[in-house]
Amino acid sequence: MTRAESGGPRRWAPWLLAGAAYTGFVISLYLTFVHYRGYVSPCYVVHGCEEVQTSKYSVIMGVPLALLGTLFFALMFYLGIALLTGPRVRVVRAYKVLAFAGALAIIPLFLLQAIVLKAFCTYCVATEVIMLVLWVVSFLLAAPGQSEAPDA
């Protein structure tokens, strides 16, 4: 039995990527609405949502980071759906590059929360974890024509 028939990464990885990206999109969209309405999300798991969401670091050149996250996760969801319809070399490459860029982007954001603000936002940390999931699972994607691990 081949790896694809046994439910290998090509079967579940695009589903996980699309689902995780959609979850990140919903969280980021919620934070965008909260930002523009002037509310502060309640913190349930950690403390410091107010400090993080209202800090000067939550906006870059007048654009809230939550809006950038919404756009990013929407793009990743779109690419995840494209992976489900049949991975093409360009889509796989684009997904991997964007997932890596997203993983790099969360490093300073997490460090700002931990070192500068000394506060964490539950929703922000959730999107950071989702971004790491997207990056790690993207390693399992194989473009058409790429060989998978040899069968033993």
N, C-alpha and C. Protein backbone atom coordinates (compact mmCIF):
# COMPACT_ATOMS: atom_id res chain seq x y z
N MET A 1 0.86 -1.18 0.00
CA MET A 1 0.00 0.00 0.00
C MET A 1 0.90 1.24 0.00
N THR A 2 0.56 2.21 -0.83
CA THR A 2 1.37 3.42 -0.91
C THR A 2 1.02 4.36 0.23
N ARG A 3 1.88 5.32 0.41
CA ARG A 3 1.68 6.28 1.50
C ARG A 3 0.40 7.09 1.31
N ALA A 4 0.10 7.48 0.07
CA ALA A 4 -1.11 8.26 -0.20
C ALA A 4 -2.37 7.46 0.11
N GLU A 5 -2.33 6.14 -0.15
CA GLU A 5 -3.48 5.30 0.14
C GLU A 5 -3.66 5.07 1.63
N SER A 6 -2.56 5.11 2.38
CA SER A 6 -2.63 4.84 3.81
C SER A 6 -2.95 6.07 4.65
N GLY A 7 -3.26 7.17 4.00
CA GLY A 7 -3.61 8.38 4.74
C GLY A 7 -2.40 9.17 5.17
N GLY A 8 -1.38 9.19 4.31
CA GLY A 8 -0.16 9.92 4.61
C GLY A 8 -0.39 11.41 4.66
N PRO A 9 0.69 12.18 4.76
CA PRO A 9 0.59 13.63 4.89
C PRO A 9 -0.19 14.32 3.78
N ARG A 10 -0.15 13.78 2.59
CA ARG A 10 -0.87 14.44 1.49
C ARG A 10 -2.37 14.43 1.70
N ARG A 11 -2.87 13.56 2.52
CA ARG A 11 -4.31 13.48 2.73
C ARG A 11 -4.79 14.44 3.82
N TRP A 12 -4.13 14.48 4.96
CA TRP A 12 -4.64 15.28 6.07
C TRP A 12 -3.98 16.64 6.20
N ALA A 13 -2.78 16.81 5.70
CA ALA A 13 -2.06 18.09 5.87
C ALA A 13 -2.82 19.28 5.27
N PRO A 14 -3.31 19.20 4.03
CA PRO A 14 -4.04 20.36 3.50
C PRO A 14 -5.31 20.67 4.29
N TRP A 15 -5.96 19.63 4.80
CA TRP A 15 -7.16 19.86 5.63
C TRP A 15 -6.79 20.59 6.92
N LEU A 16 -5.72 20.15 7.56
CA LEU A 16 -5.27 20.80 8.79
C LEU A 16 -4.84 22.24 8.50
N LEU A 17 -4.12 22.45 7.42
CA LEU A 17 -3.66 23.80 7.07
C LEU A 17 -4.83 24.74 6.80
N ALA A 18 -5.81 24.26 6.05
CA ALA A 18 -6.98 25.09 5.76
C ALA A 18 -7.77 25.39 7.04
N GLY A 19 -7.96 24.39 7.88
CA GLY A 19 -8.70 24.58 9.13
C GLY A 19 -7.99 25.51 10.09
N ALA A 20 -6.67 25.35 10.22
CA ALA A 20 -5.90 26.22 11.11
C ALA A 20 -5.89 27.65 10.59
N ALA A 21 -5.74 27.82 9.28
CA ALA A 21 -5.75 29.17 8.71
C ALA A 21 -7.10 29.83 8.90
N TYR A 22 -8.17 29.06 8.76
CA TYR A 22 -9.51 29.61 8.98
C TYR A 22 -9.69 30.04 10.44
N THR A 23 -9.20 29.24 11.35
CA THR A 23 -9.27 29.59 12.78
C THR A 23 -8.48 30.86 13.06
N GLY A 24 -7.28 30.96 12.49
CA GLY A 24 -6.48 32.18 12.64
C GLY A 24 -7.17 33.38 12.06
N PHE A 25 -7.85 33.19 10.92
CA PHE A 25 -8.60 34.26 10.29
C PHE A 25 -9.72 34.76 11.21
N VAL A 26 -10.47 33.84 11.79
CA VAL A 26 -11.59 34.22 12.67
C VAL A 26 -11.09 34.97 13.89
N ILE A 27 -10.02 34.49 14.51
CA ILE A 27 -9.47 35.16 15.69
C ILE A 27 -8.97 36.55 15.32
N SER A 28 -8.23 36.65 14.23
CA SER A 28 -7.70 37.95 13.80
C SER A 28 -8.81 38.91 13.41
N LEU A 29 -9.84 38.40 12.76
CA LEU A 29 -10.98 39.24 12.40
C LEU A 29 -11.67 39.77 13.66
N TYR A 30 -11.83 38.92 14.65
CA TYR A 30 -12.41 39.34 15.93
C TYR A 30 -11.57 40.46 16.56
N LEU A 31 -10.25 40.27 16.57
CA LEU A 31 -9.37 41.30 17.15
C LEU A 31 -9.41 42.59 16.34
N THR A 32 -9.61 42.49 15.04
CA THR A 32 -9.74 43.69 14.20
C THR A 32 -11.01 44.45 14.56
N PHE A 33 -12.12 43.73 14.68
CA PHE A 33 -13.37 44.37 15.09
C PHE A 33 -13.23 45.01 16.47
N VAL A 34 -12.61 44.30 17.39
CA VAL A 34 -12.40 44.83 18.74
C VAL A 34 -11.59 46.12 18.69
N HIS A 35 -10.55 46.12 17.85
CA HIS A 35 -9.70 47.30 17.74
C HIS A 35 -10.50 48.51 17.23
N TYR A 36 -11.23 48.31 16.15
CA TYR A 36 -11.94 49.44 15.55
C TYR A 36 -13.16 49.88 16.37
N ARG A 37 -13.69 49.01 17.19
CA ARG A 37 -14.82 49.38 18.06
C ARG A 37 -14.34 50.00 19.37
N GLY A 38 -13.05 49.89 19.66
CA GLY A 38 -12.51 50.48 20.87
C GLY A 38 -12.70 49.62 22.11
N TYR A 39 -13.02 48.37 21.91
CA TYR A 39 -13.19 47.45 23.04
C TYR A 39 -11.88 46.77 23.37
N VAL A 40 -11.87 46.07 24.47
CA VAL A 40 -10.74 45.21 24.84
C VAL A 40 -11.29 43.82 25.09
N SER A 41 -10.69 42.84 24.49
CA SER A 41 -11.13 41.46 24.66
C SER A 41 -10.84 40.99 26.07
N PRO A 42 -11.73 40.20 26.64
CA PRO A 42 -11.44 39.62 27.95
C PRO A 42 -10.35 38.56 27.84
N CYS A 43 -9.52 38.47 28.85
CA CYS A 43 -8.47 37.45 28.90
C CYS A 43 -8.94 36.30 29.78
N TYR A 44 -8.81 35.09 29.26
CA TYR A 44 -9.25 33.93 30.02
C TYR A 44 -8.10 33.06 30.49
N VAL A 45 -7.08 32.89 29.68
CA VAL A 45 -6.01 31.96 30.00
C VAL A 45 -4.81 32.68 30.63
N VAL A 46 -4.46 33.81 30.07
CA VAL A 46 -3.32 34.59 30.56
C VAL A 46 -3.82 35.98 30.94
N HIS A 47 -2.96 36.78 31.52
CA HIS A 47 -3.36 38.15 31.85
C HIS A 47 -2.60 39.12 30.95
N GLY A 48 -3.23 40.23 30.65
CA GLY A 48 -2.55 41.27 29.91
C GLY A 48 -3.14 41.60 28.56
N CYS A 49 -4.32 41.11 28.26
CA CYS A 49 -4.92 41.41 26.96
C CYS A 49 -5.03 42.91 26.72
N GLU A 50 -5.45 43.63 27.74
CA GLU A 50 -5.62 45.08 27.58
C GLU A 50 -4.29 45.76 27.27
N GLU A 51 -3.23 45.38 28.00
CA GLU A 51 -1.92 45.99 27.77
C GLU A 51 -1.44 45.73 26.35
N VAL A 52 -1.63 44.50 25.88
CA VAL A 52 -1.15 44.13 24.55
C VAL A 52 -1.99 44.80 23.47
N GLN A 53 -3.30 44.72 23.59
CA GLN A 53 -4.18 45.22 22.54
C GLN A 53 -4.20 46.74 22.42
N THR A 54 -3.85 47.44 23.50
CA THR A 54 -3.86 48.90 23.45
C THR A 54 -2.46 49.50 23.42
N SER A 55 -1.44 48.65 23.30
CA SER A 55 -0.07 49.17 23.28
C SER A 55 0.24 49.84 21.95
N LYS A 56 1.29 50.63 21.95
CA LYS A 56 1.70 51.30 20.70
C LYS A 56 2.21 50.29 19.68
N TYR A 57 2.53 49.08 20.13
CA TYR A 57 3.04 48.04 19.23
C TYR A 57 1.92 47.29 18.51
N SER A 58 0.67 47.56 18.86
CA SER A 58 -0.45 46.85 18.23
C SER A 58 -0.84 47.45 16.88
N VAL A 59 -0.15 48.56 16.52
CA VAL A 59 -0.44 49.26 15.27
C VAL A 59 0.87 49.57 14.57
N ILE A 60 0.92 49.35 13.26
CA ILE A 60 2.09 49.70 12.47
C ILE A 60 1.64 50.67 11.38
N MET A 61 2.17 51.87 11.41
CA MET A 61 1.82 52.92 10.43
C MET A 61 0.31 53.09 10.31
N GLY A 62 -0.37 53.07 11.43
CA GLY A 62 -1.81 53.28 11.46
C GLY A 62 -2.66 52.06 11.16
N VAL A 63 -2.02 50.94 10.85
CA VAL A 63 -2.74 49.71 10.53
C VAL A 63 -2.60 48.74 11.70
N PRO A 64 -3.74 48.29 12.26
CA PRO A 64 -3.64 47.35 13.37
C PRO A 64 -3.05 46.01 12.92
N LEU A 65 -2.20 45.44 13.76
CA LEU A 65 -1.61 44.14 13.45
C LEU A 65 -2.69 43.08 13.26
N ALA A 66 -3.82 43.24 13.96
CA ALA A 66 -4.91 42.28 13.81
C ALA A 66 -5.44 42.28 12.37
N LEU A 67 -5.50 43.43 11.74
CA LEU A 67 -5.96 43.50 10.35
C LEU A 67 -4.95 42.82 9.42
N LEU A 68 -3.66 43.04 9.67
CA LEU A 68 -2.64 42.35 8.89
C LEU A 68 -2.76 40.84 9.06
N GLY A 69 -3.01 40.41 10.30
CA GLY A 69 -3.22 38.99 10.56
C GLY A 69 -4.43 38.44 9.84
N THR A 70 -5.50 39.22 9.82
CA THR A 70 -6.71 38.80 9.12
C THR A 70 -6.43 38.58 7.64
N LEU A 71 -5.73 39.52 7.02
CA LEU A 71 -5.40 39.40 5.61
C LEU A 71 -4.46 38.22 5.36
N PHE A 72 -3.48 38.05 6.24
CA PHE A 72 -2.53 36.95 6.10
C PHE A 72 -3.23 35.60 6.20
N PHE A 73 -4.04 35.42 7.25
CA PHE A 73 -4.71 34.14 7.42
C PHE A 73 -5.75 33.90 6.32
N ALA A 74 -6.36 34.94 5.79
CA ALA A 74 -7.28 34.78 4.66
C ALA A 74 -6.53 34.25 3.45
N LEU A 75 -5.35 34.79 3.19
CA LEU A 75 -4.53 34.31 2.08
C LEU A 75 -4.10 32.86 2.31
N MET A 76 -3.70 32.54 3.54
CA MET A 76 -3.29 31.17 3.85
C MET A 76 -4.47 30.20 3.72
N PHE A 77 -5.66 30.64 4.08
CA PHE A 77 -6.85 29.80 3.92
C PHE A 77 -7.12 29.57 2.43
N TYR A 78 -7.03 30.63 1.66
CA TYR A 78 -7.23 30.52 0.21
C TYR A 78 -6.24 29.53 -0.40
N LEU A 79 -4.97 29.64 -0.01
CA LEU A 79 -3.96 28.72 -0.51
C LEU A 79 -4.20 27.30 0.01
N GLY A 80 -4.70 27.18 1.25
CA GLY A 80 -5.03 25.87 1.79
C GLY A 80 -6.13 25.19 0.99
N ILE A 81 -7.12 25.97 0.59
CA ILE A 81 -8.20 25.43 -0.26
C ILE A 81 -7.62 25.01 -1.61
N ALA A 82 -6.69 25.82 -2.13
CA ALA A 82 -6.05 25.46 -3.40
C ALA A 82 -5.27 24.15 -3.26
N LEU A 83 -4.66 23.93 -2.10
CA LEU A 83 -3.96 22.66 -1.87
C LEU A 83 -4.92 21.49 -1.85
N LEU A 84 -6.12 21.71 -1.33
CA LEU A 84 -7.12 20.65 -1.28
C LEU A 84 -7.62 20.25 -2.67
N THR A 85 -7.63 21.20 -3.58
CA THR A 85 -8.13 20.92 -4.92
C THR A 85 -7.08 20.28 -5.81
N GLY A 86 -5.89 20.14 -5.31
CA GLY A 86 -4.81 19.53 -6.07
C GLY A 86 -3.57 20.38 -5.98
N PRO A 87 -2.58 19.92 -5.22
CA PRO A 87 -1.38 20.74 -5.02
C PRO A 87 -0.62 20.97 -6.33
N ARG A 88 -0.41 22.22 -6.63
CA ARG A 88 0.41 22.58 -7.77
C ARG A 88 1.73 23.12 -7.23
N VAL A 89 2.76 23.02 -8.02
CA VAL A 89 4.09 23.40 -7.56
C VAL A 89 4.10 24.84 -7.06
N ARG A 90 3.50 25.76 -7.79
CA ARG A 90 3.50 27.17 -7.38
C ARG A 90 2.75 27.38 -6.06
N VAL A 91 1.63 26.69 -5.89
CA VAL A 91 0.84 26.86 -4.67
C VAL A 91 1.61 26.32 -3.47
N VAL A 92 2.22 25.16 -3.62
CA VAL A 92 3.00 24.57 -2.52
C VAL A 92 4.16 25.48 -2.16
N ARG A 93 4.87 25.97 -3.15
CA ARG A 93 6.01 26.87 -2.88
C ARG A 93 5.54 28.16 -2.21
N ALA A 94 4.48 28.74 -2.74
CA ALA A 94 3.96 29.98 -2.14
C ALA A 94 3.54 29.74 -0.70
N TYR A 95 2.88 28.62 -0.44
CA TYR A 95 2.44 28.32 0.92
C TYR A 95 3.63 28.20 1.86
N LYS A 96 4.64 27.48 1.43
CA LYS A 96 5.82 27.28 2.28
C LYS A 96 6.55 28.60 2.56
N VAL A 97 6.68 29.43 1.53
CA VAL A 97 7.37 30.72 1.71
C VAL A 97 6.58 31.62 2.67
N LEU A 98 5.26 31.70 2.46
CA LEU A 98 4.43 32.54 3.33
C LEU A 98 4.37 32.00 4.76
N ALA A 99 4.33 30.69 4.91
CA ALA A 99 4.32 30.11 6.26
C ALA A 99 5.63 30.42 6.98
N PHE A 100 6.74 30.37 6.26
CA PHE A 100 8.02 30.72 6.86
C PHE A 100 8.07 32.20 7.23
N ALA A 101 7.58 33.05 6.35
CA ALA A 101 7.54 34.49 6.64
C ALA A 101 6.67 34.77 7.86
N GLY A 102 5.54 34.09 7.96
CA GLY A 102 4.67 34.25 9.12
C GLY A 102 5.34 33.78 10.40
N ALA A 103 6.07 32.67 10.31
CA ALA A 103 6.77 32.16 11.49
C ALA A 103 7.85 33.15 11.94
N LEU A 104 8.53 33.77 10.99
CA LEU A 104 9.52 34.79 11.35
C LEU A 104 8.86 36.02 11.96
N ALA A 105 7.69 36.38 11.47
CA ALA A 105 7.00 37.58 11.95
C ALA A 105 6.53 37.44 13.39
N ILE A 106 6.22 36.23 13.82
CA ILE A 106 5.71 36.09 15.18
C ILE A 106 6.80 36.16 16.24
N ILE A 107 8.05 35.99 15.85
CA ILE A 107 9.13 36.04 16.83
C ILE A 107 9.19 37.40 17.52
N PRO A 108 9.29 38.52 16.78
CA PRO A 108 9.32 39.81 17.48
C PRO A 108 8.02 40.12 18.22
N LEU A 109 6.89 39.65 17.68
CA LEU A 109 5.61 39.91 18.35
C LEU A 109 5.55 39.20 19.70
N PHE A 110 6.00 37.97 19.75
CA PHE A 110 6.01 37.24 21.01
C PHE A 110 7.01 37.87 21.98
N LEU A 111 8.19 38.23 21.48
CA LEU A 111 9.20 38.85 22.33
C LEU A 111 8.73 40.19 22.88
N LEU A 112 8.01 40.96 22.09
CA LEU A 112 7.44 42.22 22.59
C LEU A 112 6.50 41.96 23.77
N GLN A 113 5.66 40.94 23.64
CA GLN A 113 4.75 40.61 24.73
C GLN A 113 5.54 40.17 25.97
N ALA A 114 6.52 39.31 25.76
CA ALA A 114 7.24 38.72 26.89
C ALA A 114 8.21 39.69 27.56
N ILE A 115 8.97 40.44 26.77
CA ILE A 115 10.05 41.24 27.33
C ILE A 115 9.65 42.70 27.56
N VAL A 116 9.04 43.32 26.57
CA VAL A 116 8.73 44.74 26.67
C VAL A 116 7.45 44.98 27.47
N LEU A 117 6.37 44.33 27.06
CA LEU A 117 5.08 44.56 27.71
C LEU A 117 4.89 43.75 28.98
N LYS A 118 5.59 42.63 29.07
CA LYS A 118 5.44 41.71 30.20
C LYS A 118 3.96 41.34 30.42
N ALA A 119 3.28 41.14 29.31
CA ALA A 119 1.86 40.79 29.32
C ALA A 119 1.58 39.98 28.06
N PHE A 120 0.61 39.10 28.16
CA PHE A 120 0.25 38.26 27.02
C PHE A 120 -1.23 38.38 26.74
N CYS A 121 -1.56 38.34 25.47
CA CYS A 121 -2.95 38.35 25.01
C CYS A 121 -3.28 36.92 24.57
N THR A 122 -4.33 36.37 25.13
CA THR A 122 -4.73 35.00 24.81
C THR A 122 -4.91 34.82 23.31
N TYR A 123 -5.59 35.75 22.68
CA TYR A 123 -5.88 35.66 21.26
C TYR A 123 -4.62 35.80 20.41
N CYS A 124 -3.74 36.68 20.83
CA CYS A 124 -2.49 36.87 20.11
C CYS A 124 -1.62 35.62 20.18
N VAL A 125 -1.52 35.05 21.37
CA VAL A 125 -0.74 33.83 21.54
C VAL A 125 -1.36 32.70 20.72
N ALA A 126 -2.68 32.64 20.68
CA ALA A 126 -3.36 31.61 19.88
C ALA A 126 -3.00 31.74 18.41
N THR A 127 -2.99 32.97 17.89
CA THR A 127 -2.64 33.14 16.48
C THR A 127 -1.17 32.83 16.24
N GLU A 128 -0.32 33.10 17.22
CA GLU A 128 1.09 32.76 17.09
C GLU A 128 1.29 31.25 17.04
N VAL A 129 0.56 30.53 17.88
CA VAL A 129 0.63 29.07 17.86
C VAL A 129 0.11 28.53 16.52
N ILE A 130 -0.98 29.09 16.05
CA ILE A 130 -1.54 28.66 14.75
C ILE A 130 -0.53 28.91 13.65
N MET A 131 0.16 30.05 13.70
CA MET A 131 1.16 30.34 12.68
C MET A 131 2.28 29.31 12.72
N LEU A 132 2.70 28.91 13.91
CA LEU A 132 3.73 27.87 14.01
C LEU A 132 3.23 26.55 13.45
N VAL A 133 1.98 26.22 13.71
CA VAL A 133 1.38 24.99 13.16
C VAL A 133 1.41 25.04 11.64
N LEU A 134 1.03 26.17 11.06
CA LEU A 134 1.05 26.30 9.60
C LEU A 134 2.46 26.08 9.05
N TRP A 135 3.43 26.65 9.73
CA TRP A 135 4.80 26.52 9.26
C TRP A 135 5.30 25.07 9.37
N VAL A 136 5.08 24.46 10.52
CA VAL A 136 5.57 23.09 10.74
C VAL A 136 4.88 22.10 9.80
N VAL A 137 3.57 22.20 9.68
CA VAL A 137 2.83 21.26 8.83
C VAL A 137 3.15 21.49 7.36
N SER A 138 3.55 22.71 7.00
CA SER A 138 3.88 22.97 5.59
C SER A 138 5.08 22.14 5.14
N PHE A 139 5.89 21.66 6.07
CA PHE A 139 7.01 20.79 5.71
C PHE A 139 6.52 19.46 5.14
N LEU A 140 5.31 19.08 5.46
CA LEU A 140 4.76 17.81 4.98
C LEU A 140 4.21 17.89 3.56
N LEU A 141 4.09 19.11 3.06
CA LEU A 141 3.55 19.27 1.70
C LEU A 141 4.59 18.87 0.68
N ALA A 142 4.14 18.15 -0.30
CA ALA A 142 5.01 17.76 -1.42
C ALA A 142 4.34 18.20 -2.71
N ALA A 143 5.07 18.95 -3.50
CA ALA A 143 4.54 19.40 -4.79
C ALA A 143 4.50 18.22 -5.75
N PRO A 144 3.62 18.28 -6.72
CA PRO A 144 3.59 17.21 -7.72
C PRO A 144 4.95 17.04 -8.37
N GLY A 145 5.34 15.80 -8.53
CA GLY A 145 6.65 15.52 -9.13
C GLY A 145 7.75 15.35 -8.11
N GLN A 146 7.52 15.80 -6.88
CA GLN A 146 8.50 15.59 -5.84
C GLN A 146 8.28 14.21 -5.27
N SER A 147 9.34 13.50 -5.06
CA SER A 147 9.19 12.15 -4.51
C SER A 147 9.07 12.24 -3.01
N GLU A 148 8.28 11.35 -2.46
CA GLU A 148 8.16 11.25 -1.01
C GLU A 148 9.25 10.30 -0.53
N ALA A 149 9.27 10.05 0.75
CA ALA A 149 10.25 9.12 1.30
C ALA A 149 10.09 7.76 0.63
N PRO A 150 11.17 7.09 0.34
CA PRO A 150 11.07 5.79 -0.33
C PRO A 150 10.33 4.79 0.55
N ASP A 151 9.56 3.94 -0.11
CA ASP A 151 8.83 2.90 0.63
C ASP A 151 9.82 1.87 1.13
N ALA A 152 9.59 1.43 2.35
CA ALA A 152 10.50 0.45 2.94
C ALA A 152 10.02 -0.96 2.68
